[in-house]
């Protein structure tokens, strides 16, 4: 299977290329516009020169069976559209695009052409979070905080808070009939945001503070007098009377703990089986993110 990796930045190098380069039966092709980066990354992963490309045309000419897109979000619409038009099953790092209209057009384009389109919501596959889906979930609380990083609201939400939004959607035990957003935006920069979703018998809260003093990710689900916490995706604490702690095994790869291995394998297995994946559910997450952005901007006026 010929698999292209487009964009060789931090997330590709840290998370995806170590997984892809270890998968048997893959002919890995790399593409970036920066020759020095291309040479360094290819040497690290033993990719021969004839599988290294500095433009998308050359990569497509290789006859790809699948592609992973890790280029900057601003160029996702152009790159993904070209891949879909070429009939290449495509996995794109979240988000699909900064603007909801662009994201919708890409999903519709994939459906019109009958081509797989998948969005990289790896937390749905992370063991700790997947196990929370099996726990009573009357109350769901997730916070993902940063240090000294206020940002433009759209970038804040679509590049980072989107993980919180999608994880809450994944864990909701039913349809939410009430959604509320509260945000703090000062001088055009978002400092914090709170998303609340509720329905019959459940409430979900998503929080992000970019001036929290700590970089952390904490998920809690509780119900029926029990609670499960997942700390930074690596430690699970079950509470029922006395707490019980389970930590990531010393030899468990970070990519597996964060669901990267599993989401890559899920996508590649679908390609191998000729199964068409839809990004229609991922589009619902983008829709909700658009609502968060617009509400935050209204509150800042």
C-alpha atoms as a PDB file:
ATOM      1  CA  UNK A   1       0.000   0.000   0.000  1.00  0.00           C
ATOM      2  CA  UNK A   2       1.420   3.383  -1.039  1.00  0.00           C
ATOM      3  CA  UNK A   3       0.773   5.920   1.712  1.00  0.00           C
ATOM      4  CA  UNK A   4       1.626   9.607   1.499  1.00  0.00           C
ATOM      5  CA  UNK A   5       2.357  11.888   4.437  1.00  0.00           C
ATOM      6  CA  UNK A   6       1.815  15.543   3.548  1.00  0.00           C
ATOM      7  CA  UNK A   7       3.363  18.033   5.941  1.00  0.00           C
ATOM      8  CA  UNK A   8       6.310  17.023   8.110  1.00  0.00           C
ATOM      9  CA  UNK A   9       5.873  19.312  11.094  1.00  0.00           C
ATOM     10  CA  UNK A  10       5.818  18.563  14.800  1.00  0.00           C
ATOM     11  CA  UNK A  11       2.688  16.390  14.937  1.00  0.00           C
ATOM     12  CA  UNK A  12       3.747  14.314  11.932  1.00  0.00           C
ATOM     13  CA  UNK A  13       7.240  13.737  13.292  1.00  0.00           C
ATOM     14  CA  UNK A  14       6.265  13.051  16.922  1.00  0.00           C
ATOM     15  CA  UNK A  15       3.023  11.119  16.504  1.00  0.00           C
ATOM     16  CA  UNK A  16       2.312   9.759  13.034  1.00  0.00           C
ATOM     17  CA  UNK A  17       5.550   8.960  11.225  1.00  0.00           C
ATOM     18  CA  UNK A  18       6.864   6.647  13.990  1.00  0.00           C
ATOM     19  CA  UNK A  19       3.612   4.669  13.659  1.00  0.00           C
ATOM     20  CA  UNK A  20       3.448   4.665   9.859  1.00  0.00           C
ATOM     21  CA  UNK A  21       7.097   3.762   9.381  1.00  0.00           C
ATOM     22  CA  UNK A  22       6.658   0.738  11.681  1.00  0.00           C
ATOM     23  CA  UNK A  23       3.646  -0.674   9.819  1.00  0.00           C
ATOM     24  CA  UNK A  24       4.519  -3.651   7.580  1.00  0.00           C
ATOM     25  CA  UNK A  25       3.509  -3.553   3.946  1.00  0.00           C
ATOM     26  CA  UNK A  26       3.470   0.233   3.660  1.00  0.00           C
ATOM     27  CA  UNK A  27       5.414   2.112   0.997  1.00  0.00           C
ATOM     28  CA  UNK A  28       5.753   5.484   2.710  1.00  0.00           C
ATOM     29  CA  UNK A  29       6.009   8.656   0.612  1.00  0.00           C
ATOM     30  CA  UNK A  30       6.815  12.061   2.130  1.00  0.00           C
ATOM     31  CA  UNK A  31       5.905  15.519   0.889  1.00  0.00           C
ATOM     32  CA  UNK A  32       6.854  18.978   2.134  1.00  0.00           C
ATOM     33  CA  UNK A  33       7.929  22.182   0.424  1.00  0.00           C
ATOM     34  CA  UNK A  34      11.021  22.440   2.662  1.00  0.00           C
ATOM     35  CA  UNK A  35      13.897  20.384   1.177  1.00  0.00           C
ATOM     36  CA  UNK A  36      16.012  20.403   4.351  1.00  0.00           C
ATOM     37  CA  UNK A  37      13.164  19.033   6.462  1.00  0.00           C
ATOM     38  CA  UNK A  38      12.357  16.453   3.806  1.00  0.00           C
ATOM     39  CA  UNK A  39      15.945  15.209   3.776  1.00  0.00           C
ATOM     40  CA  UNK A  40      16.203  15.018   7.576  1.00  0.00           C
ATOM     41  CA  UNK A  41      12.887  13.236   8.105  1.00  0.00           C
ATOM     42  CA  UNK A  42      13.493  10.812   5.229  1.00  0.00           C
ATOM     43  CA  UNK A  43      16.879   9.848   6.668  1.00  0.00           C
ATOM     44  CA  UNK A  44      15.380   9.302  10.112  1.00  0.00           C
ATOM     45  CA  UNK A  45      12.697   6.961   8.783  1.00  0.00           C
ATOM     46  CA  UNK A  46      14.781   5.345   6.020  1.00  0.00           C
ATOM     47  CA  UNK A  47      12.589   6.635   3.195  1.00  0.00           C
ATOM     48  CA  UNK A  48      14.482   6.493  -0.137  1.00  0.00           C
ATOM     49  CA  UNK A  49      14.902   9.621  -2.247  1.00  0.00           C
ATOM     50  CA  UNK A  50      12.484   8.478  -4.956  1.00  0.00           C
ATOM     51  CA  UNK A  51       9.684   8.518  -2.364  1.00  0.00           C
ATOM     52  CA  UNK A  52      10.421  12.100  -1.269  1.00  0.00           C
ATOM     53  CA  UNK A  53       8.503  14.931  -2.921  1.00  0.00           C
ATOM     54  CA  UNK A  54       8.506  18.724  -2.648  1.00  0.00           C
ATOM     55  CA  UNK A  55       5.173  19.280  -4.386  1.00  0.00           C
ATOM     56  CA  UNK A  56       1.768  17.634  -4.348  1.00  0.00           C
ATOM     57  CA  UNK A  57       1.740  16.928  -8.081  1.00  0.00           C
ATOM     58  CA  UNK A  58       4.771  14.660  -7.774  1.00  0.00           C
ATOM     59  CA  UNK A  59       3.255  12.890  -4.780  1.00  0.00           C
ATOM     60  CA  UNK A  60      -0.020  12.231  -6.609  1.00  0.00           C
ATOM     61  CA  UNK A  61       1.911  10.962  -9.626  1.00  0.00           C
ATOM     62  CA  UNK A  62       3.285   8.187  -7.397  1.00  0.00           C
ATOM     63  CA  UNK A  63      -0.202   6.610  -7.398  1.00  0.00           C
ATOM     64  CA  UNK A  64      -1.184   6.797  -3.736  1.00  0.00           C
ATOM     65  CA  UNK A  65      -3.527   4.324  -2.074  1.00  0.00           C
ATOM     66  CA  UNK A  66      -4.036   6.624   0.942  1.00  0.00           C
ATOM     67  CA  UNK A  67      -2.786   9.917   2.376  1.00  0.00           C
ATOM     68  CA  UNK A  68      -2.276  11.540   5.767  1.00  0.00           C
ATOM     69  CA  UNK A  69      -2.480  15.337   5.828  1.00  0.00           C
ATOM     70  CA  UNK A  70      -0.520  17.128   8.557  1.00  0.00           C
ATOM     71  CA  UNK A  71       0.082  20.421   6.770  1.00  0.00           C
ATOM     72  CA  UNK A  72      -0.992  23.737   8.403  1.00  0.00           C
ATOM     73  CA  UNK A  73      -4.753  24.053   8.798  1.00  0.00           C
ATOM     74  CA  UNK A  74      -4.959  27.045   6.449  1.00  0.00           C
ATOM     75  CA  UNK A  75      -4.001  24.877   3.455  1.00  0.00           C
ATOM     76  CA  UNK A  76      -6.161  21.861   4.360  1.00  0.00           C
ATOM     77  CA  UNK A  77      -9.038  22.793   2.013  1.00  0.00           C
ATOM     78  CA  UNK A  78      -6.792  22.983  -1.063  1.00  0.00           C
ATOM     79  CA  UNK A  79      -4.785  19.837  -0.297  1.00  0.00           C
ATOM     80  CA  UNK A  80      -7.717  17.680   0.795  1.00  0.00           C
ATOM     81  CA  UNK A  81      -9.822  18.736  -2.200  1.00  0.00           C
ATOM     82  CA  UNK A  82      -7.047  17.699  -4.596  1.00  0.00           C
ATOM     83  CA  UNK A  83      -6.624  14.342  -2.896  1.00  0.00           C
ATOM     84  CA  UNK A  84     -10.359  13.657  -2.990  1.00  0.00           C
ATOM     85  CA  UNK A  85     -10.548  14.657  -6.651  1.00  0.00           C
ATOM     86  CA  UNK A  86      -7.740  12.171  -7.320  1.00  0.00           C
ATOM     87  CA  UNK A  87      -9.731   9.440  -5.539  1.00  0.00           C
ATOM     88  CA  UNK A  88      -7.236   9.093  -2.672  1.00  0.00           C
ATOM     89  CA  UNK A  89      -8.662   8.017   0.724  1.00  0.00           C
ATOM     90  CA  UNK A  90      -7.624  10.841   3.033  1.00  0.00           C
ATOM     91  CA  UNK A  91      -6.955  11.176   6.750  1.00  0.00           C
ATOM     92  CA  UNK A  92      -6.583  14.803   7.824  1.00  0.00           C
ATOM     93  CA  UNK A  93      -5.353  16.067  11.153  1.00  0.00           C
ATOM     94  CA  UNK A  94      -8.036  18.083  12.904  1.00  0.00           C
ATOM     95  CA  UNK A  95      -9.585  20.417  11.983  1.00  0.00           C
ATOM     96  CA  UNK A  96     -10.707  19.937   8.421  1.00  0.00           C
ATOM     97  CA  UNK A  97     -10.634  23.723   7.999  1.00  0.00           C
ATOM     98  CA  UNK A  98     -10.890  26.902  10.058  1.00  0.00           C
ATOM     99  CA  UNK A  99     -14.220  27.848   8.464  1.00  0.00           C
ATOM    100  CA  UNK A 100     -17.228  25.580   8.815  1.00  0.00           C
ATOM    101  CA  UNK A 101     -18.311  26.238   5.219  1.00  0.00           C
ATOM    102  CA  UNK A 102     -14.975  24.879   3.948  1.00  0.00           C
ATOM    103  CA  UNK A 103     -15.267  21.816   6.190  1.00  0.00           C
ATOM    104  CA  UNK A 104     -18.786  21.118   4.935  1.00  0.00           C
ATOM    105  CA  UNK A 105     -17.685  21.436   1.312  1.00  0.00           C
ATOM    106  CA  UNK A 106     -14.904  18.893   1.844  1.00  0.00           C
ATOM    107  CA  UNK A 107     -17.263  16.390   3.471  1.00  0.00           C
ATOM    108  CA  UNK A 108     -19.769  16.819   0.647  1.00  0.00           C
ATOM    109  CA  UNK A 109     -16.991  16.497  -1.948  1.00  0.00           C
ATOM    110  CA  UNK A 110     -15.840  13.207  -0.411  1.00  0.00           C
ATOM    111  CA  UNK A 111     -19.398  11.870  -0.407  1.00  0.00           C
ATOM    112  CA  UNK A 112     -20.015  12.932  -4.015  1.00  0.00           C
ATOM    113  CA  UNK A 113     -16.856  11.132  -5.133  1.00  0.00           C
ATOM    114  CA  UNK A 114     -17.316   8.106  -2.870  1.00  0.00           C
ATOM    115  CA  UNK A 115     -13.877   8.606  -1.317  1.00  0.00           C
ATOM    116  CA  UNK A 116     -12.971   8.019   2.335  1.00  0.00           C
ATOM    117  CA  UNK A 117     -12.396  11.116   4.448  1.00  0.00           C
ATOM    118  CA  UNK A 118     -11.385  10.757   8.089  1.00  0.00           C
ATOM    119  CA  UNK A 119     -10.560  13.430  10.684  1.00  0.00           C
ATOM    120  CA  UNK A 120      -7.891  12.812  13.319  1.00  0.00           C
ATOM    121  CA  UNK A 121      -9.869  12.719  16.547  1.00  0.00           C
ATOM    122  CA  UNK A 122      -7.452  10.303  18.178  1.00  0.00           C
ATOM    123  CA  UNK A 123      -8.877  10.703  21.665  1.00  0.00           C
ATOM    124  CA  UNK A 124     -11.873   8.571  20.703  1.00  0.00           C
ATOM    125  CA  UNK A 125      -9.371   5.710  20.370  1.00  0.00           C
ATOM    126  CA  UNK A 126      -7.251   6.476  23.459  1.00  0.00           C
ATOM    127  CA  UNK A 127      -7.688   3.535  25.879  1.00  0.00           C
ATOM    128  CA  UNK A 128      -8.481   5.685  28.917  1.00  0.00           C
ATOM    129  CA  UNK A 129     -11.145   7.677  27.104  1.00  0.00           C
ATOM    130  CA  UNK A 130     -12.610   4.667  25.306  1.00  0.00           C
ATOM    131  CA  UNK A 131     -13.025   2.982  28.695  1.00  0.00           C
ATOM    132  CA  UNK A 132     -14.932   6.046  29.943  1.00  0.00           C
ATOM    133  CA  UNK A 133     -17.557   5.324  27.285  1.00  0.00           C
ATOM    134  CA  UNK A 134     -18.333   2.135  29.227  1.00  0.00           C
ATOM    135  CA  UNK A 135     -18.752   4.025  32.552  1.00  0.00           C
ATOM    136  CA  UNK A 136     -21.983   5.634  33.865  1.00  0.00           C
ATOM    137  CA  UNK A 137     -21.966   9.206  32.497  1.00  0.00           C
ATOM    138  CA  UNK A 138     -24.485  11.392  34.285  1.00  0.00           C
ATOM    139  CA  UNK A 139     -21.842  14.110  34.592  1.00  0.00           C
ATOM    140  CA  UNK A 140     -18.910  14.543  32.191  1.00  0.00           C
ATOM    141  CA  UNK A 141     -16.227  17.160  32.853  1.00  0.00           C
ATOM    142  CA  UNK A 142     -13.212  17.686  30.621  1.00  0.00           C
ATOM    143  CA  UNK A 143     -10.612  20.412  30.892  1.00  0.00           C
ATOM    144  CA  UNK A 144      -7.589  20.975  28.673  1.00  0.00           C
ATOM    145  CA  UNK A 145      -5.471  23.861  29.922  1.00  0.00           C
ATOM    146  CA  UNK A 146      -2.373  25.730  28.821  1.00  0.00           C
ATOM    147  CA  UNK A 147       0.179  28.204  30.174  1.00  0.00           C
ATOM    148  CA  UNK A 148       0.441  31.764  28.824  1.00  0.00           C
ATOM    149  CA  UNK A 149      -1.261  31.080  25.489  1.00  0.00           C
ATOM    150  CA  UNK A 150      -4.271  33.358  24.817  1.00  0.00           C
ATOM    151  CA  UNK A 151      -5.083  33.204  21.117  1.00  0.00           C
ATOM    152  CA  UNK A 152      -7.384  34.367  18.351  1.00  0.00           C
ATOM    153  CA  UNK A 153     -10.768  32.726  19.115  1.00  0.00           C
ATOM    154  CA  UNK A 154     -11.037  30.772  15.862  1.00  0.00           C
ATOM    155  CA  UNK A 155      -7.509  29.390  16.151  1.00  0.00           C
ATOM    156  CA  UNK A 156      -8.023  28.690  19.874  1.00  0.00           C
ATOM    157  CA  UNK A 157     -11.177  26.661  19.246  1.00  0.00           C
ATOM    158  CA  UNK A 158     -10.443  24.914  15.940  1.00  0.00           C
ATOM    159  CA  UNK A 159      -6.817  23.976  16.619  1.00  0.00           C
ATOM    160  CA  UNK A 160      -7.142  22.937  20.271  1.00  0.00           C
ATOM    161  CA  UNK A 161     -10.535  23.180  22.011  1.00  0.00           C
ATOM    162  CA  UNK A 162     -11.965  21.037  19.220  1.00  0.00           C
ATOM    163  CA  UNK A 163     -10.502  18.001  21.023  1.00  0.00           C
ATOM    164  CA  UNK A 164     -12.627  18.834  24.072  1.00  0.00           C
ATOM    165  CA  UNK A 165     -15.723  19.382  21.960  1.00  0.00           C
ATOM    166  CA  UNK A 166     -15.327  16.114  20.089  1.00  0.00           C
ATOM    167  CA  UNK A 167     -14.544  14.086  23.216  1.00  0.00           C
ATOM    168  CA  UNK A 168     -17.663  15.390  24.947  1.00  0.00           C
ATOM    169  CA  UNK A 169     -19.732  14.529  21.868  1.00  0.00           C
ATOM    170  CA  UNK A 170     -18.204  11.053  21.830  1.00  0.00           C
ATOM    171  CA  UNK A 171     -19.084  10.469  25.494  1.00  0.00           C
ATOM    172  CA  UNK A 172     -22.575  11.986  25.590  1.00  0.00           C
ATOM    173  CA  UNK A 173     -25.042   9.244  26.618  1.00  0.00           C
ATOM    174  CA  UNK A 174     -27.813  10.866  24.571  1.00  0.00           C
ATOM    175  CA  UNK A 175     -28.746  13.877  22.477  1.00  0.00           C
ATOM    176  CA  UNK A 176     -28.106  17.257  24.087  1.00  0.00           C
ATOM    177  CA  UNK A 177     -31.155  19.520  24.123  1.00  0.00           C
ATOM    178  CA  UNK A 178     -29.381  22.487  25.713  1.00  0.00           C
ATOM    179  CA  UNK A 179     -26.031  24.049  24.780  1.00  0.00           C
ATOM    180  CA  UNK A 180     -24.439  27.056  26.446  1.00  0.00           C
ATOM    181  CA  UNK A 181     -21.111  28.811  25.817  1.00  0.00           C
ATOM    182  CA  UNK A 182     -19.254  31.248  28.061  1.00  0.00           C
ATOM    183  CA  UNK A 183     -15.963  32.779  26.991  1.00  0.00           C
ATOM    184  CA  UNK A 184     -13.471  35.440  28.054  1.00  0.00           C
ATOM    185  CA  UNK A 185     -12.014  37.407  25.132  1.00  0.00           C
ATOM    186  CA  UNK A 186      -9.819  40.441  25.782  1.00  0.00           C
ATOM    187  CA  UNK A 187      -8.182  42.611  23.126  1.00  0.00           C
ATOM    188  CA  UNK A 188      -9.124  40.067  20.464  1.00  0.00           C
ATOM    189  CA  UNK A 189      -7.571  37.110  22.282  1.00  0.00           C
ATOM    190  CA  UNK A 190      -9.515  34.291  23.903  1.00  0.00           C
ATOM    191  CA  UNK A 191      -8.353  33.477  27.429  1.00  0.00           C
ATOM    192  CA  UNK A 192     -10.855  30.836  28.439  1.00  0.00           C
ATOM    193  CA  UNK A 193     -14.017  29.100  27.307  1.00  0.00           C
ATOM    194  CA  UNK A 194     -16.649  26.881  28.901  1.00  0.00           C
ATOM    195  CA  UNK A 195     -19.046  24.699  26.901  1.00  0.00           C
ATOM    196  CA  UNK A 196     -22.044  23.112  28.633  1.00  0.00           C
ATOM    197  CA  UNK A 197     -24.257  20.504  27.010  1.00  0.00           C
ATOM    198  CA  UNK A 198     -27.137  18.779  28.754  1.00  0.00           C
ATOM    199  CA  UNK A 199     -29.966  16.395  28.084  1.00  0.00           C
ATOM    200  CA  UNK A 200     -32.275  14.053  29.994  1.00  0.00           C
ATOM    201  CA  UNK A 201     -30.289  12.886  33.033  1.00  0.00           C
ATOM    202  CA  UNK A 202     -26.846  14.158  31.996  1.00  0.00           C
ATOM    203  CA  UNK A 203     -24.662  17.243  31.826  1.00  0.00           C
ATOM    204  CA  UNK A 204     -21.309  17.670  30.062  1.00  0.00           C
ATOM    205  CA  UNK A 205     -18.860  20.490  30.722  1.00  0.00           C
ATOM    206  CA  UNK A 206     -15.829  21.322  28.596  1.00  0.00           C
ATOM    207  CA  UNK A 207     -13.319  23.899  29.804  1.00  0.00           C
ATOM    208  CA  UNK A 208     -10.115  25.428  28.517  1.00  0.00           C
ATOM    209  CA  UNK A 209      -8.041  28.087  30.255  1.00  0.00           C
ATOM    210  CA  UNK A 210      -5.015  29.380  28.360  1.00  0.00           C
ATOM    211  CA  UNK A 211      -3.729  31.215  31.456  1.00  0.00           C
ATOM    212  CA  UNK A 212      -4.140  28.372  33.917  1.00  0.00           C
ATOM    213  CA  UNK A 213      -0.551  28.082  35.143  1.00  0.00           C
ATOM    214  CA  UNK A 214      -0.464  24.425  34.127  1.00  0.00           C
ATOM    215  CA  UNK A 215      -0.513  22.347  30.950  1.00  0.00           C
ATOM    216  CA  UNK A 216      -2.934  19.544  31.732  1.00  0.00           C
ATOM    217  CA  UNK A 217      -5.785  17.444  30.394  1.00  0.00           C
ATOM    218  CA  UNK A 218      -8.273  15.944  32.828  1.00  0.00           C
ATOM    219  CA  UNK A 219     -11.412  13.962  32.028  1.00  0.00           C
ATOM    220  CA  UNK A 220     -13.950  12.900  34.659  1.00  0.00           C
ATOM    221  CA  UNK A 221     -17.096  10.857  34.148  1.00  0.00           C
ATOM    222  CA  UNK A 222     -19.400  10.040  37.041  1.00  0.00           C
ATOM    223  CA  UNK A 223     -22.754   8.461  37.700  1.00  0.00           C
ATOM    224  CA  UNK A 224     -24.451   5.841  39.856  1.00  0.00           C
ATOM    225  CA  UNK A 225     -22.182   6.782  42.780  1.00  0.00           C
ATOM    226  CA  UNK A 226     -18.958   6.023  40.893  1.00  0.00           C
ATOM    227  CA  UNK A 227     -16.389   8.254  39.187  1.00  0.00           C
ATOM    228  CA  UNK A 228     -13.552   7.680  36.729  1.00  0.00           C
ATOM    229  CA  UNK A 229     -10.766  10.199  36.137  1.00  0.00           C
ATOM    230  CA  UNK A 230      -8.235  10.140  33.307  1.00  0.00           C
ATOM    231  CA  UNK A 231      -5.214  12.346  33.943  1.00  0.00           C
ATOM    232  CA  UNK A 232      -3.194  13.498  30.939  1.00  0.00           C
ATOM    233  CA  UNK A 233      -4.359  10.415  29.022  1.00  0.00           C
ATOM    234  CA  UNK A 234      -1.970   8.204  30.984  1.00  0.00           C
ATOM    235  CA  UNK A 235      -3.396   7.614  34.472  1.00  0.00           C
ATOM    236  CA  UNK A 236      -6.858   6.278  35.308  1.00  0.00           C
ATOM    237  CA  UNK A 237      -8.342   6.702  38.782  1.00  0.00           C
ATOM    238  CA  UNK A 238     -11.560   4.872  39.651  1.00  0.00           C
ATOM    239  CA  UNK A 239     -13.506   6.133  42.666  1.00  0.00           C
ATOM    240  CA  UNK A 240     -15.999   3.968  44.473  1.00  0.00           C
ATOM    241  CA  UNK A 241     -15.251   4.403  48.129  1.00  0.00           C
ATOM    242  CA  UNK A 242     -11.457   4.158  47.946  1.00  0.00           C
ATOM    243  CA  UNK A 243      -9.661   5.340  44.787  1.00  0.00           C
ATOM    244  CA  UNK A 244      -7.956   2.765  42.567  1.00  0.00           C
ATOM    245  CA  UNK A 245      -5.115   3.992  40.326  1.00  0.00           C
ATOM    246  CA  UNK A 246      -3.945   2.505  37.021  1.00  0.00           C
ATOM    247  CA  UNK A 247      -0.930   4.066  35.320  1.00  0.00           C
ATOM    248  CA  UNK A 248       0.414   3.682  31.806  1.00  0.00           C
ATOM    249  CA  UNK A 249       2.759   0.712  31.648  1.00  0.00           C
ATOM    250  CA  UNK A 250       6.444   1.545  31.429  1.00  0.00           C
ATOM    251  CA  UNK A 251       6.668  -0.038  27.980  1.00  0.00           C
ATOM    252  CA  UNK A 252       3.380   1.271  26.573  1.00  0.00           C
ATOM    253  CA  UNK A 253       4.163   3.639  23.674  1.00  0.00           C
ATOM    254  CA  UNK A 254       2.824   7.176  24.028  1.00  0.00           C
ATOM    255  CA  UNK A 255       1.250   6.907  20.563  1.00  0.00           C
ATOM    256  CA  UNK A 256      -0.799   3.921  21.737  1.00  0.00           C
ATOM    257  CA  UNK A 257      -1.806   5.624  24.971  1.00  0.00           C
ATOM    258  CA  UNK A 258      -3.008   8.679  23.031  1.00  0.00           C
ATOM    259  CA  UNK A 259      -4.925   6.615  20.469  1.00  0.00           C
ATOM    260  CA  UNK A 260      -2.663   7.486  17.523  1.00  0.00           C
ATOM    261  CA  UNK A 261      -1.767   3.882  16.727  1.00  0.00           C
ATOM    262  CA  UNK A 262      -5.379   2.797  16.896  1.00  0.00           C
ATOM    263  CA  UNK A 263      -6.793   5.591  14.733  1.00  0.00           C
ATOM    264  CA  UNK A 264      -4.078   5.041  12.095  1.00  0.00           C
ATOM    265  CA  UNK A 265      -4.771   1.310  12.016  1.00  0.00           C
ATOM    266  CA  UNK A 266      -8.534   1.924  11.826  1.00  0.00           C
ATOM    267  CA  UNK A 267      -8.076   4.144   8.786  1.00  0.00           C
ATOM    268  CA  UNK A 268      -5.570   1.883   7.015  1.00  0.00           C
ATOM    269  CA  UNK A 269      -7.700  -1.214   7.665  1.00  0.00           C
ATOM    270  CA  UNK A 270     -10.689   0.506   6.054  1.00  0.00           C
ATOM    271  CA  UNK A 271      -8.556   1.386   3.029  1.00  0.00           C
ATOM    272  CA  UNK A 272      -7.275  -2.196   2.741  1.00  0.00           C
ATOM    273  CA  UNK A 273     -10.820  -3.564   2.911  1.00  0.00           C
ATOM    274  CA  UNK A 274     -12.183  -1.054   0.412  1.00  0.00           C
ATOM    275  CA  UNK A 275     -14.480   0.433   3.062  1.00  0.00           C
ATOM    276  CA  UNK A 276     -15.475   4.067   2.581  1.00  0.00           C
ATOM    277  CA  UNK A 277     -15.234   6.172   5.755  1.00  0.00           C
ATOM    278  CA  UNK A 278     -17.452   9.209   6.231  1.00  0.00           C
ATOM    279  CA  UNK A 279     -16.517  12.451   7.978  1.00  0.00           C
ATOM    280  CA  UNK A 280     -20.167  13.384   8.462  1.00  0.00           C
ATOM    281  CA  UNK A 281     -20.002  12.884  12.258  1.00  0.00           C
ATOM    282  CA  UNK A 282     -16.754  14.878  12.432  1.00  0.00           C
ATOM    283  CA  UNK A 283     -18.608  17.682  10.653  1.00  0.00           C
ATOM    284  CA  UNK A 284     -21.032  17.866  13.601  1.00  0.00           C
ATOM    285  CA  UNK A 285     -18.048  18.596  15.843  1.00  0.00           C
ATOM    286  CA  UNK A 286     -16.924  21.357  13.462  1.00  0.00           C
ATOM    287  CA  UNK A 287     -20.456  22.758  13.470  1.00  0.00           C
ATOM    288  CA  UNK A 288     -20.454  22.931  17.264  1.00  0.00           C
ATOM    289  CA  UNK A 289     -17.011  24.551  17.236  1.00  0.00           C
ATOM    290  CA  UNK A 290     -18.337  27.206  14.854  1.00  0.00           C
ATOM    291  CA  UNK A 291     -21.118  27.892  17.339  1.00  0.00           C
ATOM    292  CA  UNK A 292     -18.552  28.276  20.131  1.00  0.00           C
ATOM    293  CA  UNK A 293     -16.476  30.718  18.065  1.00  0.00           C
ATOM    294  CA  UNK A 294     -19.417  32.879  17.007  1.00  0.00           C
ATOM    295  CA  UNK A 295     -20.866  32.981  20.530  1.00  0.00           C
ATOM    296  CA  UNK A 296     -17.474  33.947  21.977  1.00  0.00           C
ATOM    297  CA  UNK A 297     -17.114  36.771  19.453  1.00  0.00           C
ATOM    298  CA  UNK A 298     -20.603  38.033  20.266  1.00  0.00           C
ATOM    299  CA  UNK A 299     -19.825  38.018  23.982  1.00  0.00           C
ATOM    300  CA  UNK A 300     -16.613  39.976  23.340  1.00  0.00           C
ATOM    301  CA  UNK A 301     -18.509  42.903  21.748  1.00  0.00           C
END
